[in-house]
Amino acid sequence: MEELGKLQTYLLVLMFCCFTPMGIAIGVAISSSDDKTSAVFHGLSAGTFLYISTSEIIVEEFNSRKARFWKFLAYLIGFGVMCSVFYVERAWGDHDEH
């Protein structure tokens, strides 16, 4: 992959700085919409994270034999923490909304 020039780098940083607040504004607007719309967008965002992690990051990390056990252990711990978020939210979350 060829290196980016200084102008291209600045342009990409500027785009990121502009799109991040726009994404937050869209997220706030969607969160106040009906439950079905919110569920669809939550599903899309979760699917994006799963796709990127399984097809790009995890495959690349486990191709290397260096510290494979520790990587897998960290992966399992991270998976367990993310799964526990559901139960913690259910136990301590705001029950008036459901």
N, C-alpha and C. Protein backbone atom coordinates (compact mmCIF):
# COMPACT_ATOMS: atom_id res chain seq x y z
N MET A 1 0.85 -1.18 0.00
CA MET A 1 0.00 0.00 0.00
C MET A 1 0.89 1.24 0.00
N GLU A 2 0.58 2.17 -0.86
CA GLU A 2 1.42 3.35 -0.94
C GLU A 2 1.11 4.33 0.18
N GLU A 3 2.10 5.12 0.50
CA GLU A 3 1.96 6.11 1.58
C GLU A 3 1.07 7.26 1.13
N LEU A 4 0.31 7.80 2.07
CA LEU A 4 -0.52 8.96 1.79
C LEU A 4 0.31 10.22 1.88
N GLY A 5 0.00 11.18 1.05
CA GLY A 5 0.67 12.46 1.12
C GLY A 5 0.12 13.28 2.28
N LYS A 6 0.79 14.38 2.56
CA LYS A 6 0.38 15.24 3.66
C LYS A 6 -1.02 15.81 3.43
N LEU A 7 -1.32 16.23 2.20
CA LEU A 7 -2.62 16.80 1.88
C LEU A 7 -3.73 15.77 2.05
N GLN A 8 -3.49 14.56 1.56
CA GLN A 8 -4.48 13.49 1.71
C GLN A 8 -4.71 13.15 3.17
N THR A 9 -3.66 13.14 3.95
CA THR A 9 -3.79 12.86 5.38
C THR A 9 -4.64 13.92 6.06
N TYR A 10 -4.36 15.18 5.78
CA TYR A 10 -5.14 16.26 6.37
C TYR A 10 -6.60 16.20 5.93
N LEU A 11 -6.84 15.85 4.67
CA LEU A 11 -8.21 15.75 4.16
C LEU A 11 -8.97 14.62 4.86
N LEU A 12 -8.32 13.49 5.06
CA LEU A 12 -8.97 12.38 5.75
C LEU A 12 -9.25 12.71 7.22
N VAL A 13 -8.33 13.39 7.87
CA VAL A 13 -8.56 13.80 9.26
C VAL A 13 -9.71 14.79 9.34
N LEU A 14 -9.76 15.72 8.39
CA LEU A 14 -10.86 16.69 8.35
C LEU A 14 -12.20 15.99 8.13
N MET A 15 -12.23 15.03 7.22
CA MET A 15 -13.47 14.27 6.98
C MET A 15 -13.89 13.53 8.23
N PHE A 16 -12.93 12.90 8.92
CA PHE A 16 -13.25 12.18 10.15
C PHE A 16 -13.82 13.13 11.19
N CYS A 17 -13.21 14.31 11.31
CA CYS A 17 -13.67 15.30 12.29
C CYS A 17 -15.08 15.80 11.97
N CYS A 18 -15.44 15.84 10.70
CA CYS A 18 -16.78 16.29 10.32
C CYS A 18 -17.81 15.17 10.45
N PHE A 19 -17.44 13.95 10.06
CA PHE A 19 -18.41 12.86 10.07
C PHE A 19 -18.69 12.33 11.46
N THR A 20 -17.76 12.46 12.38
CA THR A 20 -18.01 11.98 13.73
C THR A 20 -19.17 12.71 14.40
N PRO A 21 -19.20 14.05 14.42
CA PRO A 21 -20.37 14.72 15.01
C PRO A 21 -21.66 14.44 14.23
N MET A 22 -21.54 14.27 12.91
CA MET A 22 -22.73 13.95 12.13
C MET A 22 -23.28 12.59 12.53
N GLY A 23 -22.39 11.62 12.74
CA GLY A 23 -22.83 10.30 13.18
C GLY A 23 -23.47 10.34 14.55
N ILE A 24 -22.93 11.16 15.44
CA ILE A 24 -23.52 11.30 16.77
C ILE A 24 -24.91 11.92 16.66
N ALA A 25 -25.05 12.95 15.82
CA ALA A 25 -26.36 13.59 15.63
C ALA A 25 -27.38 12.61 15.05
N ILE A 26 -26.97 11.81 14.09
CA ILE A 26 -27.87 10.81 13.52
C ILE A 26 -28.26 9.79 14.58
N GLY A 27 -27.29 9.37 15.39
CA GLY A 27 -27.58 8.42 16.47
C GLY A 27 -28.56 8.98 17.48
N VAL A 28 -28.41 10.24 17.84
CA VAL A 28 -29.35 10.87 18.77
C VAL A 28 -30.74 10.95 18.15
N ALA A 29 -30.82 11.29 16.87
CA ALA A 29 -32.11 11.38 16.20
C ALA A 29 -32.78 10.01 16.11
N ILE A 30 -32.00 8.99 15.84
CA ILE A 30 -32.56 7.65 15.72
C ILE A 30 -32.99 7.12 17.09
N SER A 31 -32.25 7.45 18.13
CA SER A 31 -32.58 6.93 19.46
C SER A 31 -33.93 7.45 19.94
N SER A 32 -34.37 8.58 19.42
CA SER A 32 -35.68 9.10 19.82
C SER A 32 -36.79 8.60 18.91
N SER A 33 -36.47 7.75 17.93
CA SER A 33 -37.49 7.21 17.04
C SER A 33 -38.09 5.94 17.65
N ASP A 34 -38.91 5.26 16.87
CA ASP A 34 -39.59 4.07 17.40
C ASP A 34 -38.61 2.92 17.65
N ASP A 35 -39.08 1.91 18.36
CA ASP A 35 -38.22 0.80 18.78
C ASP A 35 -37.72 -0.03 17.60
N LYS A 36 -38.53 -0.20 16.56
CA LYS A 36 -38.11 -1.01 15.43
C LYS A 36 -36.93 -0.38 14.68
N THR A 37 -37.00 0.93 14.47
CA THR A 37 -35.90 1.62 13.79
C THR A 37 -34.63 1.53 14.62
N SER A 38 -34.77 1.74 15.91
CA SER A 38 -33.61 1.65 16.80
C SER A 38 -33.02 0.24 16.78
N ALA A 39 -33.88 -0.77 16.78
CA ALA A 39 -33.39 -2.15 16.77
C ALA A 39 -32.66 -2.47 15.48
N VAL A 40 -33.15 -1.97 14.35
CA VAL A 40 -32.48 -2.22 13.07
C VAL A 40 -31.09 -1.59 13.07
N PHE A 41 -30.99 -0.35 13.53
CA PHE A 41 -29.68 0.30 13.52
C PHE A 41 -28.73 -0.29 14.55
N HIS A 42 -29.24 -0.74 15.68
CA HIS A 42 -28.38 -1.43 16.64
C HIS A 42 -27.87 -2.74 16.04
N GLY A 43 -28.73 -3.43 15.32
CA GLY A 43 -28.31 -4.67 14.66
C GLY A 43 -27.26 -4.43 13.60
N LEU A 44 -27.43 -3.36 12.82
CA LEU A 44 -26.43 -3.02 11.80
C LEU A 44 -25.08 -2.68 12.43
N SER A 45 -25.10 -1.92 13.51
CA SER A 45 -23.83 -1.55 14.14
C SER A 45 -23.16 -2.77 14.79
N ALA A 46 -23.95 -3.62 15.43
CA ALA A 46 -23.37 -4.83 16.03
C ALA A 46 -22.83 -5.75 14.95
N GLY A 47 -23.55 -5.89 13.85
CA GLY A 47 -23.09 -6.72 12.75
C GLY A 47 -21.80 -6.21 12.14
N THR A 48 -21.67 -4.89 12.06
CA THR A 48 -20.44 -4.30 11.53
C THR A 48 -19.26 -4.64 12.42
N PHE A 49 -19.43 -4.50 13.73
CA PHE A 49 -18.35 -4.84 14.66
C PHE A 49 -18.00 -6.32 14.57
N LEU A 50 -19.00 -7.19 14.50
CA LEU A 50 -18.72 -8.61 14.40
C LEU A 50 -18.00 -8.96 13.10
N TYR A 51 -18.43 -8.37 12.00
CA TYR A 51 -17.80 -8.66 10.71
C TYR A 51 -16.33 -8.22 10.71
N ILE A 52 -16.08 -7.00 11.13
CA ILE A 52 -14.71 -6.50 11.13
C ILE A 52 -13.83 -7.32 12.07
N SER A 53 -14.34 -7.64 13.24
CA SER A 53 -13.51 -8.38 14.19
C SER A 53 -13.23 -9.80 13.71
N THR A 54 -14.22 -10.47 13.15
CA THR A 54 -14.00 -11.86 12.74
C THR A 54 -13.27 -12.00 11.41
N SER A 55 -13.48 -11.07 10.50
CA SER A 55 -12.85 -11.24 9.18
C SER A 55 -11.51 -10.53 9.06
N GLU A 56 -11.25 -9.55 9.87
CA GLU A 56 -10.02 -8.78 9.74
C GLU A 56 -9.09 -8.95 10.94
N ILE A 57 -9.56 -8.60 12.10
CA ILE A 57 -8.69 -8.49 13.27
C ILE A 57 -8.31 -9.86 13.84
N ILE A 58 -9.30 -10.69 14.12
CA ILE A 58 -9.01 -11.97 14.76
C ILE A 58 -8.19 -12.87 13.84
N VAL A 59 -8.55 -12.92 12.58
CA VAL A 59 -7.81 -13.77 11.63
C VAL A 59 -6.36 -13.33 11.55
N GLU A 60 -6.14 -12.04 11.46
CA GLU A 60 -4.77 -11.52 11.37
C GLU A 60 -3.97 -11.83 12.63
N GLU A 61 -4.58 -11.67 13.78
CA GLU A 61 -3.87 -11.91 15.04
C GLU A 61 -3.54 -13.38 15.24
N PHE A 62 -4.44 -14.28 14.88
CA PHE A 62 -4.20 -15.69 15.13
C PHE A 62 -3.37 -16.35 14.04
N ASN A 63 -3.05 -15.65 12.96
CA ASN A 63 -2.12 -16.19 11.97
C ASN A 63 -0.71 -16.24 12.52
N SER A 64 -0.40 -15.34 13.42
CA SER A 64 0.91 -15.33 14.05
C SER A 64 0.93 -16.30 15.23
N ARG A 65 1.98 -17.09 15.34
CA ARG A 65 2.06 -18.06 16.44
C ARG A 65 2.53 -17.43 17.75
N LYS A 66 3.01 -16.21 17.69
CA LYS A 66 3.54 -15.55 18.88
C LYS A 66 2.42 -15.24 19.87
N ALA A 67 2.56 -15.73 21.07
CA ALA A 67 1.63 -15.49 22.19
C ALA A 67 0.20 -15.86 21.84
N ARG A 68 0.03 -16.92 21.10
CA ARG A 68 -1.31 -17.33 20.67
C ARG A 68 -2.22 -17.66 21.86
N PHE A 69 -1.69 -18.33 22.87
CA PHE A 69 -2.50 -18.67 24.05
C PHE A 69 -3.01 -17.41 24.74
N TRP A 70 -2.14 -16.42 24.92
CA TRP A 70 -2.53 -15.20 25.62
C TRP A 70 -3.53 -14.39 24.80
N LYS A 71 -3.37 -14.43 23.51
CA LYS A 71 -4.35 -13.75 22.64
C LYS A 71 -5.72 -14.40 22.77
N PHE A 72 -5.72 -15.74 22.77
CA PHE A 72 -6.99 -16.45 22.90
C PHE A 72 -7.62 -16.21 24.27
N LEU A 73 -6.80 -16.19 25.30
CA LEU A 73 -7.30 -15.92 26.64
C LEU A 73 -7.89 -14.51 26.72
N ALA A 74 -7.21 -13.53 26.15
CA ALA A 74 -7.73 -12.16 26.13
C ALA A 74 -9.02 -12.09 25.33
N TYR A 75 -9.09 -12.84 24.24
CA TYR A 75 -10.30 -12.91 23.42
C TYR A 75 -11.47 -13.46 24.23
N LEU A 76 -11.24 -14.54 24.96
CA LEU A 76 -12.30 -15.13 25.78
C LEU A 76 -12.74 -14.19 26.90
N ILE A 77 -11.79 -13.53 27.54
CA ILE A 77 -12.13 -12.59 28.60
C ILE A 77 -12.95 -11.43 28.03
N GLY A 78 -12.54 -10.90 26.90
CA GLY A 78 -13.30 -9.82 26.27
C GLY A 78 -14.68 -10.26 25.87
N PHE A 79 -14.80 -11.46 25.33
CA PHE A 79 -16.11 -12.00 24.97
C PHE A 79 -16.99 -12.14 26.21
N GLY A 80 -16.42 -12.64 27.30
CA GLY A 80 -17.18 -12.79 28.54
C GLY A 80 -17.62 -11.45 29.11
N VAL A 81 -16.75 -10.47 29.06
CA VAL A 81 -17.12 -9.13 29.56
C VAL A 81 -18.25 -8.55 28.74
N MET A 82 -18.17 -8.66 27.41
CA MET A 82 -19.22 -8.11 26.56
C MET A 82 -20.54 -8.85 26.76
N CYS A 83 -20.49 -10.14 26.97
CA CYS A 83 -21.73 -10.88 27.24
C CYS A 83 -22.32 -10.50 28.58
N SER A 84 -21.48 -10.21 29.55
CA SER A 84 -21.97 -9.87 30.87
C SER A 84 -22.63 -8.49 30.91
N VAL A 85 -22.33 -7.64 29.94
CA VAL A 85 -22.95 -6.31 29.89
C VAL A 85 -24.47 -6.42 29.84
N PHE A 86 -24.96 -7.38 29.07
CA PHE A 86 -26.41 -7.60 28.97
C PHE A 86 -27.01 -7.89 30.34
N TYR A 87 -26.37 -8.78 31.08
CA TYR A 87 -26.92 -9.17 32.37
C TYR A 87 -26.77 -8.06 33.41
N VAL A 88 -25.69 -7.32 33.37
CA VAL A 88 -25.51 -6.20 34.30
C VAL A 88 -26.55 -5.13 34.02
N GLU A 89 -26.77 -4.82 32.74
CA GLU A 89 -27.76 -3.81 32.39
C GLU A 89 -29.15 -4.25 32.81
N ARG A 90 -29.44 -5.52 32.62
CA ARG A 90 -30.76 -6.04 33.00
C ARG A 90 -30.95 -6.00 34.52
N ALA A 91 -29.89 -6.29 35.26
CA ALA A 91 -29.99 -6.32 36.72
C ALA A 91 -30.03 -4.91 37.32
N TRP A 92 -29.24 -3.99 36.75
CA TRP A 92 -29.12 -2.65 37.35
C TRP A 92 -29.73 -1.56 36.51
N GLY A 93 -30.18 -1.89 35.31
CA GLY A 93 -30.70 -0.86 34.39
C GLY A 93 -32.02 -0.29 34.85
N ASP A 94 -32.47 0.70 34.08
CA ASP A 94 -33.73 1.37 34.35
C ASP A 94 -34.87 0.46 33.90
N HIS A 95 -35.64 -0.06 34.84
CA HIS A 95 -36.71 -0.99 34.53
C HIS A 95 -38.00 -0.30 34.09
N ASP A 96 -38.08 1.03 34.21
CA ASP A 96 -39.28 1.75 33.83
C ASP A 96 -39.45 1.80 32.31
N GLU A 97 -38.34 1.71 31.55
CA GLU A 97 -38.42 1.79 30.10
C GLU A 97 -38.95 0.52 29.49
N HIS A 98 -38.79 -0.63 30.13
CA HIS A 98 -39.18 -1.92 29.55
C HIS A 98 -40.56 -2.25 29.90
